[in-house]
């Protein structure tokens, strides 16, 4: 099995526009999806991320500590999963029930194995 990071992207919090009942249903659906993936041995971890943050840049010998992003889109969470290949990882991403509740994007990235770093 290969490891993949799935970066959950959103503009703001799409769930905020849902009613309290719909928000609770969303949490239950996504939580159930995560538990199912963990139970199948396909998910190593998953967490939401807070909306605020900073991006550090280094150029010409100095750091720039700027605001988070130029765009409205942020990485609002992640899944660290196991899949046999990129196609299976994409399939796992497509099965995320969050897509039923607003505008979301998921970036699927294979984790590169580098000798001596992540052994």
PDB file of N, CA and C in Angstrom:
ATOM      1  N   UNK A   1       0.840  -1.187   0.000  1.00  0.00           N
ATOM      2  CA  UNK A   1       0.000   0.000   0.000  1.00  0.00           C
ATOM      3  C   UNK A   1       0.882   1.245   0.000  1.00  0.00           C
ATOM      4  N   UNK A   2       0.433   2.254  -0.731  1.00  0.00           N
ATOM      5  CA  UNK A   2       1.132   3.537  -0.777  1.00  0.00           C
ATOM      6  C   UNK A   2       0.394   4.536   0.109  1.00  0.00           C
ATOM      7  N   UNK A   3       1.135   5.547   0.568  1.00  0.00           N
ATOM      8  CA  UNK A   3       0.534   6.590   1.392  1.00  0.00           C
ATOM      9  C   UNK A   3       0.210   7.806   0.537  1.00  0.00           C
ATOM     10  N   UNK A   4      -0.907   8.445   0.860  1.00  0.00           N
ATOM     11  CA  UNK A   4      -1.365   9.636   0.154  1.00  0.00           C
ATOM     12  C   UNK A   4      -1.851  10.651   1.170  1.00  0.00           C
ATOM     13  N   UNK A   5      -1.659  11.925   0.834  1.00  0.00           N
ATOM     14  CA  UNK A   5      -2.279  13.013   1.590  1.00  0.00           C
ATOM     15  C   UNK A   5      -3.406  13.566   0.741  1.00  0.00           C
ATOM     16  N   UNK A   6      -4.555  13.704   1.338  1.00  0.00           N
ATOM     17  CA  UNK A   6      -5.697  14.324   0.686  1.00  0.00           C
ATOM     18  C   UNK A   6      -5.917  15.652   1.401  1.00  0.00           C
ATOM     19  N   UNK A   7      -5.711  16.739   0.690  1.00  0.00           N
ATOM     20  CA  UNK A   7      -5.893  18.063   1.259  1.00  0.00           C
ATOM     21  C   UNK A   7      -7.293  18.547   0.925  1.00  0.00           C
ATOM     22  N   UNK A   8      -8.077  18.810   1.949  1.00  0.00           N
ATOM     23  CA  UNK A   8      -9.456  19.258   1.780  1.00  0.00           C
ATOM     24  C   UNK A   8      -9.432  20.768   1.657  1.00  0.00           C
ATOM     25  N   UNK A   9      -9.959  21.266   0.560  1.00  0.00           N
ATOM     26  CA  UNK A   9      -9.930  22.706   0.282  1.00  0.00           C
ATOM     27  C   UNK A   9     -11.354  23.257   0.260  1.00  0.00           C
ATOM     28  N   UNK A  10     -11.480  24.461   0.771  1.00  0.00           N
ATOM     29  CA  UNK A  10     -12.787  25.124   0.755  1.00  0.00           C
ATOM     30  C   UNK A  10     -12.585  26.633   0.761  1.00  0.00           C
ATOM     31  N   UNK A  11     -13.632  27.324   0.402  1.00  0.00           N
ATOM     32  CA  UNK A  11     -13.665  28.781   0.532  1.00  0.00           C
ATOM     33  C   UNK A  11     -14.488  29.062   1.773  1.00  0.00           C
ATOM     34  N   UNK A  12     -13.814  29.472   2.843  1.00  0.00           N
ATOM     35  CA  UNK A  12     -14.526  29.655   4.101  1.00  0.00           C
ATOM     36  C   UNK A  12     -14.983  28.317   4.635  1.00  0.00           C
ATOM     37  N   UNK A  13     -16.123  28.307   5.274  1.00  0.00           N
ATOM     38  CA  UNK A  13     -16.682  27.088   5.830  1.00  0.00           C
ATOM     39  C   UNK A  13     -18.028  26.811   5.163  1.00  0.00           C
ATOM     40  N   UNK A  14     -18.064  25.938   4.141  1.00  0.00           N
ATOM     41  CA  UNK A  14     -19.316  25.670   3.439  1.00  0.00           C
ATOM     42  C   UNK A  14     -20.426  25.162   4.347  1.00  0.00           C
ATOM     43  N   UNK A  15     -20.067  24.558   5.463  1.00  0.00           N
ATOM     44  CA  UNK A  15     -21.070  24.014   6.378  1.00  0.00           C
ATOM     45  C   UNK A  15     -21.790  25.121   7.139  1.00  0.00           C
ATOM     46  N   UNK A  16     -21.168  26.294   7.248  1.00  0.00           N
ATOM     47  CA  UNK A  16     -21.764  27.404   7.997  1.00  0.00           C
ATOM     48  C   UNK A  16     -23.112  27.838   7.421  1.00  0.00           C
ATOM     49  N   UNK A  17     -23.326  27.609   6.126  1.00  0.00           N
ATOM     50  CA  UNK A  17     -24.592  27.997   5.493  1.00  0.00           C
ATOM     51  C   UNK A  17     -25.706  26.987   5.713  1.00  0.00           C
ATOM     52  N   UNK A  18     -25.390  25.868   6.338  1.00  0.00           N
ATOM     53  CA  UNK A  18     -26.395  24.833   6.599  1.00  0.00           C
ATOM     54  C   UNK A  18     -27.116  25.121   7.907  1.00  0.00           C
ATOM     55  N   UNK A  19     -28.316  24.578   8.035  1.00  0.00           N
ATOM     56  CA  UNK A  19     -29.048  24.703   9.300  1.00  0.00           C
ATOM     57  C   UNK A  19     -28.312  23.898  10.373  1.00  0.00           C
ATOM     58  N   UNK A  20     -28.584  24.160  11.653  1.00  0.00           N
ATOM     59  CA  UNK A  20     -27.922  23.376  12.710  1.00  0.00           C
ATOM     60  C   UNK A  20     -28.150  21.863  12.550  1.00  0.00           C
ATOM     61  N   UNK A  21     -29.338  21.492  12.120  1.00  0.00           N
ATOM     62  CA  UNK A  21     -29.628  20.072  11.918  1.00  0.00           C
ATOM     63  C   UNK A  21     -28.789  19.511  10.761  1.00  0.00           C
ATOM     64  N   UNK A  22     -28.680  20.286   9.674  1.00  0.00           N
ATOM     65  CA  UNK A  22     -27.877  19.853   8.533  1.00  0.00           C
ATOM     66  C   UNK A  22     -26.391  19.804   8.892  1.00  0.00           C
ATOM     67  N   UNK A  23     -25.947  20.746   9.729  1.00  0.00           N
ATOM     68  CA  UNK A  23     -24.551  20.718  10.173  1.00  0.00           C
ATOM     69  C   UNK A  23     -24.262  19.447  10.973  1.00  0.00           C
ATOM     70  N   UNK A  24     -25.178  19.095  11.859  1.00  0.00           N
ATOM     71  CA  UNK A  24     -25.005  17.876  12.658  1.00  0.00           C
ATOM     72  C   UNK A  24     -25.007  16.649  11.757  1.00  0.00           C
ATOM     73  N   UNK A  25     -25.886  16.629  10.771  1.00  0.00           N
ATOM     74  CA  UNK A  25     -25.930  15.514   9.817  1.00  0.00           C
ATOM     75  C   UNK A  25     -24.610  15.428   9.037  1.00  0.00           C
ATOM     76  N   UNK A  26     -24.078  16.580   8.642  1.00  0.00           N
ATOM     77  CA  UNK A  26     -22.798  16.616   7.926  1.00  0.00           C
ATOM     78  C   UNK A  26     -21.688  16.012   8.796  1.00  0.00           C
ATOM     79  N   UNK A  27     -21.613  16.420  10.048  1.00  0.00           N
ATOM     80  CA  UNK A  27     -20.590  15.908  10.958  1.00  0.00           C
ATOM     81  C   UNK A  27     -20.729  14.391  11.109  1.00  0.00           C
ATOM     82  N   UNK A  28     -21.963  13.915  11.218  1.00  0.00           N
ATOM     83  CA  UNK A  28     -22.197  12.476  11.359  1.00  0.00           C
ATOM     84  C   UNK A  28     -21.771  11.713  10.100  1.00  0.00           C
ATOM     85  N   UNK A  29     -22.105  12.250   8.930  1.00  0.00           N
ATOM     86  CA  UNK A  29     -21.751  11.586   7.666  1.00  0.00           C
ATOM     87  C   UNK A  29     -20.239  11.521   7.489  1.00  0.00           C
ATOM     88  N   UNK A  30     -19.568  12.651   7.682  1.00  0.00           N
ATOM     89  CA  UNK A  30     -18.114  12.686   7.489  1.00  0.00           C
ATOM     90  C   UNK A  30     -17.428  11.836   8.563  1.00  0.00           C
ATOM     91  N   UNK A  31     -17.917  11.933   9.801  1.00  0.00           N
ATOM     92  CA  UNK A  31     -17.360  11.094  10.872  1.00  0.00           C
ATOM     93  C   UNK A  31     -17.527   9.612  10.583  1.00  0.00           C
ATOM     94  N   UNK A  32     -18.678   9.230  10.051  1.00  0.00           N
ATOM     95  CA  UNK A  32     -18.908   7.840   9.670  1.00  0.00           C
ATOM     96  C   UNK A  32     -17.985   7.387   8.552  1.00  0.00           C
ATOM     97  N   UNK A  33     -17.751   8.282   7.589  1.00  0.00           N
ATOM     98  CA  UNK A  33     -16.834   7.990   6.486  1.00  0.00           C
ATOM     99  C   UNK A  33     -15.424   7.745   7.035  1.00  0.00           C
ATOM    100  N   UNK A  34     -14.975   8.596   7.938  1.00  0.00           N
ATOM    101  CA  UNK A  34     -13.639   8.464   8.518  1.00  0.00           C
ATOM    102  C   UNK A  34     -13.533   7.153   9.300  1.00  0.00           C
ATOM    103  N   UNK A  35     -14.534   6.857  10.132  1.00  0.00           N
ATOM    104  CA  UNK A  35     -14.512   5.614  10.911  1.00  0.00           C
ATOM    105  C   UNK A  35     -14.484   4.391  10.001  1.00  0.00           C
ATOM    106  N   UNK A  36     -15.236   4.439   8.916  1.00  0.00           N
ATOM    107  CA  UNK A  36     -15.260   3.325   7.957  1.00  0.00           C
ATOM    108  C   UNK A  36     -13.882   3.129   7.341  1.00  0.00           C
ATOM    109  N   UNK A  37     -13.256   4.222   6.918  1.00  0.00           N
ATOM    110  CA  UNK A  37     -11.931   4.137   6.292  1.00  0.00           C
ATOM    111  C   UNK A  37     -10.878   3.637   7.287  1.00  0.00           C
ATOM    112  N   UNK A  38     -10.952   4.094   8.551  1.00  0.00           N
ATOM    113  CA  UNK A  38     -10.031   3.618   9.584  1.00  0.00           C
ATOM    114  C   UNK A  38     -10.253   2.121   9.804  1.00  0.00           C
ATOM    115  N   UNK A  39     -11.510   1.713   9.894  1.00  0.00           N
ATOM    116  CA  UNK A  39     -11.846   0.298  10.101  1.00  0.00           C
ATOM    117  C   UNK A  39     -11.361  -0.599   8.979  1.00  0.00           C
ATOM    118  N   UNK A  40     -11.322  -0.069   7.765  1.00  0.00           N
ATOM    119  CA  UNK A  40     -10.841  -0.831   6.609  1.00  0.00           C
ATOM    120  C   UNK A  40      -9.325  -0.769   6.474  1.00  0.00           C
ATOM    121  N   UNK A  41      -8.668  -0.029   7.371  1.00  0.00           N
ATOM    122  CA  UNK A  41      -7.218   0.094   7.319  1.00  0.00           C
ATOM    123  C   UNK A  41      -6.725   1.003   6.211  1.00  0.00           C
ATOM    124  N   UNK A  42      -7.588   1.884   5.715  1.00  0.00           N
ATOM    125  CA  UNK A  42      -7.210   2.773   4.616  1.00  0.00           C
ATOM    126  C   UNK A  42      -6.942   4.203   5.057  1.00  0.00           C
ATOM    127  N   UNK A  43      -7.233   4.532   6.310  1.00  0.00           N
ATOM    128  CA  UNK A  43      -6.995   5.897   6.775  1.00  0.00           C
ATOM    129  C   UNK A  43      -6.096   5.858   8.008  1.00  0.00           C
ATOM    130  N   UNK A  44      -4.995   6.612   7.937  1.00  0.00           N
ATOM    131  CA  UNK A  44      -4.063   6.694   9.064  1.00  0.00           C
ATOM    132  C   UNK A  44      -4.448   7.813  10.012  1.00  0.00           C
ATOM    133  N   UNK A  45      -4.905   8.951   9.472  1.00  0.00           N
ATOM    134  CA  UNK A  45      -5.335  10.066  10.316  1.00  0.00           C
ATOM    135  C   UNK A  45      -6.160  11.045   9.493  1.00  0.00           C
ATOM    136  N   UNK A  46      -6.911  11.863  10.205  1.00  0.00           N
ATOM    137  CA  UNK A  46      -7.739  12.895   9.574  1.00  0.00           C
ATOM    138  C   UNK A  46      -8.002  13.971  10.613  1.00  0.00           C
ATOM    139  N   UNK A  47      -7.884  15.227  10.208  1.00  0.00           N
ATOM    140  CA  UNK A  47      -8.161  16.332  11.121  1.00  0.00           C
ATOM    141  C   UNK A  47      -8.629  17.550  10.340  1.00  0.00           C
ATOM    142  N   UNK A  48      -9.527  18.330  10.929  1.00  0.00           N
ATOM    143  CA  UNK A  48      -9.815  19.641  10.341  1.00  0.00           C
ATOM    144  C   UNK A  48      -8.694  20.600  10.721  1.00  0.00           C
ATOM    145  N   UNK A  49      -8.565  21.666   9.986  1.00  0.00           N
ATOM    146  CA  UNK A  49      -7.578  22.702  10.295  1.00  0.00           C
ATOM    147  C   UNK A  49      -8.312  24.001  10.570  1.00  0.00           C
ATOM    148  N   UNK A  50      -7.772  24.800  11.467  1.00  0.00           N
ATOM    149  CA  UNK A  50      -8.367  26.102  11.735  1.00  0.00           C
ATOM    150  C   UNK A  50      -8.177  26.992  10.514  1.00  0.00           C
ATOM    151  N   UNK A  51      -9.052  27.955  10.338  1.00  0.00           N
ATOM    152  CA  UNK A  51      -9.041  28.790   9.138  1.00  0.00           C
ATOM    153  C   UNK A  51      -7.914  29.819   9.120  1.00  0.00           C
ATOM    154  N   UNK A  52      -7.466  30.282  10.279  1.00  0.00           N
ATOM    155  CA  UNK A  52      -6.402  31.290  10.276  1.00  0.00           C
ATOM    156  C   UNK A  52      -5.042  30.603  10.211  1.00  0.00           C
ATOM    157  N   UNK A  53      -4.046  31.355   9.744  1.00  0.00           N
ATOM    158  CA  UNK A  53      -2.693  30.832   9.649  1.00  0.00           C
ATOM    159  C   UNK A  53      -1.813  31.813   8.903  1.00  0.00           C
ATOM    160  N   UNK A  54      -0.596  31.450   8.665  1.00  0.00           N
ATOM    161  CA  UNK A  54       0.368  32.281   7.952  1.00  0.00           C
ATOM    162  C   UNK A  54       1.135  31.425   6.965  1.00  0.00           C
ATOM    163  N   UNK A  55       1.652  32.064   5.951  1.00  0.00           N
ATOM    164  CA  UNK A  55       2.546  31.420   5.011  1.00  0.00           C
ATOM    165  C   UNK A  55       3.907  32.082   5.159  1.00  0.00           C
ATOM    166  N   UNK A  56       4.926  31.280   5.412  1.00  0.00           N
ATOM    167  CA  UNK A  56       6.293  31.783   5.526  1.00  0.00           C
ATOM    168  C   UNK A  56       6.994  31.585   4.192  1.00  0.00           C
ATOM    169  N   UNK A  57       7.675  32.615   3.737  1.00  0.00           N
ATOM    170  CA  UNK A  57       8.473  32.545   2.516  1.00  0.00           C
ATOM    171  C   UNK A  57       9.900  32.915   2.859  1.00  0.00           C
ATOM    172  N   UNK A  58      10.849  32.304   2.176  1.00  0.00           N
ATOM    173  CA  UNK A  58      12.260  32.622   2.381  1.00  0.00           C
ATOM    174  C   UNK A  58      12.873  32.951   1.038  1.00  0.00           C
ATOM    175  N   UNK A  59      13.428  34.146   0.942  1.00  0.00           N
ATOM    176  CA  UNK A  59      14.045  34.584  -0.307  1.00  0.00           C
ATOM    177  C   UNK A  59      15.143  35.584   0.014  1.00  0.00           C
ATOM    178  N   UNK A  60      16.242  35.467  -0.682  1.00  0.00           N
ATOM    179  CA  UNK A  60      17.371  36.395  -0.524  1.00  0.00           C
ATOM    180  C   UNK A  60      17.815  36.551   0.930  1.00  0.00           C
ATOM    181  N   UNK A  61      17.830  35.439   1.676  1.00  0.00           N
ATOM    182  CA  UNK A  61      18.353  35.459   3.034  1.00  0.00           C
ATOM    183  C   UNK A  61      17.416  35.952   4.106  1.00  0.00           C
ATOM    184  N   UNK A  62      16.132  36.191   3.776  1.00  0.00           N
ATOM    185  CA  UNK A  62      15.223  36.648   4.829  1.00  0.00           C
ATOM    186  C   UNK A  62      13.839  36.030   4.657  1.00  0.00           C
ATOM    187  N   UNK A  63      13.129  35.972   5.778  1.00  0.00           N
ATOM    188  CA  UNK A  63      11.781  35.439   5.803  1.00  0.00           C
ATOM    189  C   UNK A  63      10.761  36.540   5.586  1.00  0.00           C
ATOM    190  N   UNK A  64       9.698  36.190   4.918  1.00  0.00           N
ATOM    191  CA  UNK A  64       8.520  37.035   4.844  1.00  0.00           C
ATOM    192  C   UNK A  64       7.401  36.255   5.519  1.00  0.00           C
ATOM    193  N   UNK A  65       6.765  36.850   6.487  1.00  0.00           N
ATOM    194  CA  UNK A  65       5.662  36.230   7.208  1.00  0.00           C
ATOM    195  C   UNK A  65       4.408  36.981   6.816  1.00  0.00           C
ATOM    196  N   UNK A  66       3.712  36.428   5.832  1.00  0.00           N
ATOM    197  CA  UNK A  66       2.572  37.155   5.295  1.00  0.00           C
ATOM    198  C   UNK A  66       1.252  36.586   5.748  1.00  0.00           C
ATOM    199  N   UNK A  67       0.201  37.185   5.283  1.00  0.00           N
ATOM    200  CA  UNK A  67      -1.125  36.631   5.563  1.00  0.00           C
ATOM    201  C   UNK A  67      -1.246  35.271   4.900  1.00  0.00           C
ATOM    202  N   UNK A  68      -2.305  34.589   5.220  1.00  0.00           N
ATOM    203  CA  UNK A  68      -2.451  33.203   4.818  1.00  0.00           C
ATOM    204  C   UNK A  68      -2.398  33.005   3.307  1.00  0.00           C
ATOM    205  N   UNK A  69      -3.324  33.526   2.585  1.00  0.00           N
ATOM    206  CA  UNK A  69      -3.403  33.266   1.151  1.00  0.00           C
ATOM    207  C   UNK A  69      -3.921  34.488   0.419  1.00  0.00           C
ATOM    208  N   UNK A  70      -3.585  34.569  -0.843  1.00  0.00           N
ATOM    209  CA  UNK A  70      -4.121  35.628  -1.700  1.00  0.00           C
ATOM    210  C   UNK A  70      -5.545  35.303  -2.138  1.00  0.00           C
ATOM    211  N   UNK A  71      -5.904  34.016  -2.117  1.00  0.00           N
ATOM    212  CA  UNK A  71      -7.222  33.597  -2.566  1.00  0.00           C
ATOM    213  C   UNK A  71      -8.116  33.336  -1.365  1.00  0.00           C
ATOM    214  N   UNK A  72      -9.383  33.127  -1.623  1.00  0.00           N
ATOM    215  CA  UNK A  72     -10.332  32.798  -0.562  1.00  0.00           C
ATOM    216  C   UNK A  72     -10.235  31.331  -0.163  1.00  0.00           C
ATOM    217  N   UNK A  73      -9.664  30.503  -1.038  1.00  0.00           N
ATOM    218  CA  UNK A  73      -9.593  29.077  -0.770  1.00  0.00           C
ATOM    219  C   UNK A  73      -8.469  28.763   0.215  1.00  0.00           C
ATOM    220  N   UNK A  74      -8.763  27.901   1.184  1.00  0.00           N
ATOM    221  CA  UNK A  74      -7.771  27.462   2.163  1.00  0.00           C
ATOM    222  C   UNK A  74      -7.830  25.938   2.266  1.00  0.00           C
ATOM    223  N   UNK A  75      -6.749  25.370   2.795  1.00  0.00           N
ATOM    224  CA  UNK A  75      -6.775  23.949   3.148  1.00  0.00           C
ATOM    225  C   UNK A  75      -7.457  23.876   4.501  1.00  0.00           C
ATOM    226  N   UNK A  76      -8.640  23.271   4.529  1.00  0.00           N
ATOM    227  CA  UNK A  76      -9.433  23.258   5.755  1.00  0.00           C
ATOM    228  C   UNK A  76      -9.337  21.935   6.516  1.00  0.00           C
ATOM    229  N   UNK A  77      -8.606  20.969   5.967  1.00  0.00           N
ATOM    230  CA  UNK A  77      -8.421  19.701   6.648  1.00  0.00           C
ATOM    231  C   UNK A  77      -7.592  18.764   5.795  1.00  0.00           C
ATOM    232  N   UNK A  78      -7.334  17.588   6.346  1.00  0.00           N
ATOM    233  CA  UNK A  78      -6.556  16.610   5.588  1.00  0.00           C
ATOM    234  C   UNK A  78      -6.962  15.196   5.979  1.00  0.00           C
ATOM    235  N   UNK A  79      -6.682  14.269   5.074  1.00  0.00           N
ATOM    236  CA  UNK A  79      -6.757  12.839   5.336  1.00  0.00           C
ATOM    237  C   UNK A  79      -5.398  12.266   4.965  1.00  0.00           C
ATOM    238  N   UNK A  80      -4.848  11.422   5.806  1.00  0.00           N
ATOM    239  CA  UNK A  80      -3.633  10.664   5.492  1.00  0.00           C
ATOM    240  C   UNK A  80      -4.116   9.233   5.271  1.00  0.00           C
ATOM    241  N   UNK A  81      -4.075   8.788   4.010  1.00  0.00           N
ATOM    242  CA  UNK A  81      -4.676   7.503   3.675  1.00  0.00           C
ATOM    243  C   UNK A  81      -3.652   6.530   3.099  1.00  0.00           C
ATOM    244  N   UNK A  82      -4.091   5.275   3.008  1.00  0.00           N
ATOM    245  CA  UNK A  82      -3.347   4.212   2.343  1.00  0.00           C
ATOM    246  C   UNK A  82      -4.192   3.714   1.181  1.00  0.00           C
ATOM    247  N   UNK A  83      -3.574   3.555   0.023  1.00  0.00           N
ATOM    248  CA  UNK A  83      -4.271   3.041  -1.152  1.00  0.00           C
ATOM    249  C   UNK A  83      -3.261   2.294  -2.016  1.00  0.00           C
ATOM    250  N   UNK A  84      -3.768   1.383  -2.849  1.00  0.00           N
ATOM    251  CA  UNK A  84      -2.841   0.607  -3.684  1.00  0.00           C
ATOM    252  C   UNK A  84      -2.215   1.450  -4.781  1.00  0.00           C
ATOM    253  N   UNK A  85      -2.939   2.503  -5.240  1.00  0.00           N
ATOM    254  CA  UNK A  85      -2.399   3.376  -6.286  1.00  0.00           C
ATOM    255  C   UNK A  85      -3.188   4.681  -6.318  1.00  0.00           C
ATOM    256  N   UNK A  86      -2.787   5.579  -7.209  1.00  0.00           N
ATOM    257  CA  UNK A  86      -3.422   6.891  -7.299  1.00  0.00           C
ATOM    258  C   UNK A  86      -4.907   6.777  -7.634  1.00  0.00           C
ATOM    259  N   UNK A  87      -5.273   5.846  -8.490  1.00  0.00           N
ATOM    260  CA  UNK A  87      -6.692   5.689  -8.851  1.00  0.00           C
ATOM    261  C   UNK A  87      -7.547   5.311  -7.647  1.00  0.00           C
ATOM    262  N   UNK A  88      -7.036   4.423  -6.802  1.00  0.00           N
ATOM    263  CA  UNK A  88      -7.801   4.066  -5.604  1.00  0.00           C
ATOM    264  C   UNK A  88      -7.889   5.262  -4.661  1.00  0.00           C
ATOM    265  N   UNK A  89      -6.803   6.023  -4.523  1.00  0.00           N
ATOM    266  CA  UNK A  89      -6.821   7.213  -3.665  1.00  0.00           C
ATOM    267  C   UNK A  89      -7.845   8.224  -4.170  1.00  0.00           C
ATOM    268  N   UNK A  90      -7.924   8.399  -5.484  1.00  0.00           N
ATOM    269  CA  UNK A  90      -8.922   9.304  -6.068  1.00  0.00           C
ATOM    270  C   UNK A  90     -10.325   8.787  -5.781  1.00  0.00           C
ATOM    271  N   UNK A  91     -10.516   7.483  -5.886  1.00  0.00           N
ATOM    272  CA  UNK A  91     -11.817   6.889  -5.576  1.00  0.00           C
ATOM    273  C   UNK A  91     -12.224   7.135  -4.136  1.00  0.00           C
ATOM    274  N   UNK A  92     -11.267   7.025  -3.223  1.00  0.00           N
ATOM    275  CA  UNK A  92     -11.551   7.301  -1.811  1.00  0.00           C
ATOM    276  C   UNK A  92     -11.960   8.765  -1.647  1.00  0.00           C
ATOM    277  N   UNK A  93     -11.222   9.661  -2.300  1.00  0.00           N
ATOM    278  CA  UNK A  93     -11.559  11.088  -2.218  1.00  0.00           C
ATOM    279  C   UNK A  93     -12.963  11.352  -2.751  1.00  0.00           C
ATOM    280  N   UNK A  94     -13.316  10.737  -3.873  1.00  0.00           N
ATOM    281  CA  UNK A  94     -14.638  10.943  -4.468  1.00  0.00           C
ATOM    282  C   UNK A  94     -15.767  10.420  -3.586  1.00  0.00           C
ATOM    283  N   UNK A  95     -15.460   9.454  -2.719  1.00  0.00           N
ATOM    284  CA  UNK A  95     -16.508   8.885  -1.872  1.00  0.00           C
ATOM    285  C   UNK A  95     -16.747   9.692  -0.595  1.00  0.00           C
ATOM    286  N   UNK A  96     -16.006  10.766  -0.397  1.00  0.00           N
ATOM    287  CA  UNK A  96     -16.177  11.606   0.788  1.00  0.00           C
ATOM    288  C   UNK A  96     -17.556  12.265   0.740  1.00  0.00           C
ATOM    289  N   UNK A  97     -18.389  12.047   1.755  1.00  0.00           N
ATOM    290  CA  UNK A  97     -19.750  12.603   1.727  1.00  0.00           C
ATOM    291  C   UNK A  97     -19.817  14.122   1.876  1.00  0.00           C
ATOM    292  N   UNK A  98     -18.698  14.771   2.178  1.00  0.00           N
ATOM    293  CA  UNK A  98     -18.733  16.234   2.309  1.00  0.00           C
ATOM    294  C   UNK A  98     -19.162  16.887   1.000  1.00  0.00           C
ATOM    295  N   UNK A  99     -18.918  16.214  -0.136  1.00  0.00           N
ATOM    296  CA  UNK A  99     -19.287  16.786  -1.430  1.00  0.00           C
ATOM    297  C   UNK A  99     -20.806  16.982  -1.549  1.00  0.00           C
ATOM    298  N   UNK A 100     -21.565  16.307  -0.718  1.00  0.00           N
ATOM    299  CA  UNK A 100     -23.032  16.457  -0.731  1.00  0.00           C
ATOM    300  C   UNK A 100     -23.466  17.775  -0.084  1.00  0.00           C
ATOM    301  N   UNK A 101     -22.579  18.423   0.663  1.00  0.00           N
ATOM    302  CA  UNK A 101     -22.962  19.556   1.503  1.00  0.00           C
ATOM    303  C   UNK A 101     -22.182  20.829   1.211  1.00  0.00           C
ATOM    304  N   UNK A 102     -22.034  21.191  -0.035  1.00  0.00           N
ATOM    305  CA  UNK A 102     -21.383  22.457  -0.321  1.00  0.00           C
ATOM    306  C   UNK A 102     -20.248  22.307  -1.311  1.00  0.00           C
ATOM    307  N   UNK A 103     -19.553  23.402  -1.506  1.00  0.00           N
ATOM    308  CA  UNK A 103     -18.461  23.451  -2.479  1.00  0.00           C
ATOM    309  C   UNK A 103     -17.148  23.096  -1.790  1.00  0.00           C
ATOM    310  N   UNK A 104     -16.600  21.950  -2.150  1.00  0.00           N
ATOM    311  CA  UNK A 104     -15.353  21.450  -1.597  1.00  0.00           C
ATOM    312  C   UNK A 104     -14.458  20.989  -2.748  1.00  0.00           C
ATOM    313  N   UNK A 105     -13.161  20.980  -2.499  1.00  0.00           N
ATOM    314  CA  UNK A 105     -12.205  20.371  -3.425  1.00  0.00           C
ATOM    315  C   UNK A 105     -11.250  19.536  -2.586  1.00  0.00           C
ATOM    316  N   UNK A 106     -10.817  18.416  -3.146  1.00  0.00           N
ATOM    317  CA  UNK A 106      -9.828  17.588  -2.456  1.00  0.00           C
ATOM    318  C   UNK A 106      -8.656  17.372  -3.408  1.00  0.00           C
ATOM    319  N   UNK A 107      -7.474  17.738  -2.923  1.00  0.00           N
ATOM    320  CA  UNK A 107      -6.242  17.521  -3.676  1.00  0.00           C
ATOM    321  C   UNK A 107      -5.648  16.196  -3.208  1.00  0.00           C
ATOM    322  N   UNK A 108      -5.367  15.300  -4.139  1.00  0.00           N
ATOM    323  CA  UNK A 108      -4.831  13.976  -3.828  1.00  0.00           C
ATOM    324  C   UNK A 108      -3.357  13.960  -4.218  1.00  0.00           C
ATOM    325  N   UNK A 109      -2.482  13.711  -3.243  1.00  0.00           N
ATOM    326  CA  UNK A 109      -1.038  13.737  -3.501  1.00  0.00           C
ATOM    327  C   UNK A 109      -0.375  12.487  -2.928  1.00  0.00           C
ATOM    328  N   UNK A 110       0.373  11.752  -3.757  1.00  0.00           N
ATOM    329  CA  UNK A 110       1.149  10.623  -3.214  1.00  0.00           C
ATOM    330  C   UNK A 110       2.260  11.162  -2.306  1.00  0.00           C
ATOM    331  N   UNK A 111       2.547  10.443  -1.224  1.00  0.00           N
ATOM    332  CA  UNK A 111       3.654  10.801  -0.348  1.00  0.00           C
ATOM    333  C   UNK A 111       4.907  10.127  -0.910  1.00  0.00           C
ATOM    334  N   UNK A 112       5.913  10.920  -1.150  1.00  0.00           N
ATOM    335  CA  UNK A 112       7.160  10.411  -1.699  1.00  0.00           C
ATOM    336  C   UNK A 112       7.980   9.762  -0.584  1.00  0.00           C
ATOM    337  N   UNK A 113       8.470   8.597  -0.844  1.00  0.00           N
ATOM    338  CA  UNK A 113       9.350   7.909   0.110  1.00  0.00           C
ATOM    339  C   UNK A 113      10.780   8.265  -0.230  1.00  0.00           C
ATOM    340  N   UNK A 114      11.510   8.801   0.741  1.00  0.00           N
ATOM    341  CA  UNK A 114      12.896   9.195   0.552  1.00  0.00           C
ATOM    342  C   UNK A 114      13.747   8.417   1.561  1.00  0.00           C
ATOM    343  N   UNK A 115      14.713   7.677   1.073  1.00  0.00           N
ATOM    344  CA  UNK A 115      15.578   6.889   1.956  1.00  0.00           C
ATOM    345  C   UNK A 115      16.210   7.786   3.013  1.00  0.00           C
ATOM    346  N   UNK A 116      16.169   7.311   4.253  1.00  0.00           N
ATOM    347  CA  UNK A 116      16.805   8.039   5.343  1.00  0.00           C
ATOM    348  C   UNK A 116      15.922   9.086   5.986  1.00  0.00           C
ATOM    349  N   UNK A 117      14.783   9.401   5.390  1.00  0.00           N
ATOM    350  CA  UNK A 117      13.905  10.424   5.974  1.00  0.00           C
ATOM    351  C   UNK A 117      12.680   9.782   6.612  1.00  0.00           C
ATOM    352  N   UNK A 118      11.948   9.011   5.829  1.00  0.00           N
ATOM    353  CA  UNK A 118      10.699   8.453   6.363  1.00  0.00           C
ATOM    354  C   UNK A 118      10.717   6.936   6.294  1.00  0.00           C
ATOM    355  N   UNK A 119      11.673   6.378   6.994  1.00  0.00           N
ATOM    356  CA  UNK A 119      11.762   4.911   7.067  1.00  0.00           C
ATOM    357  C   UNK A 119      11.213   4.429   8.380  1.00  0.00           C
TER     358      UNK A 119
END
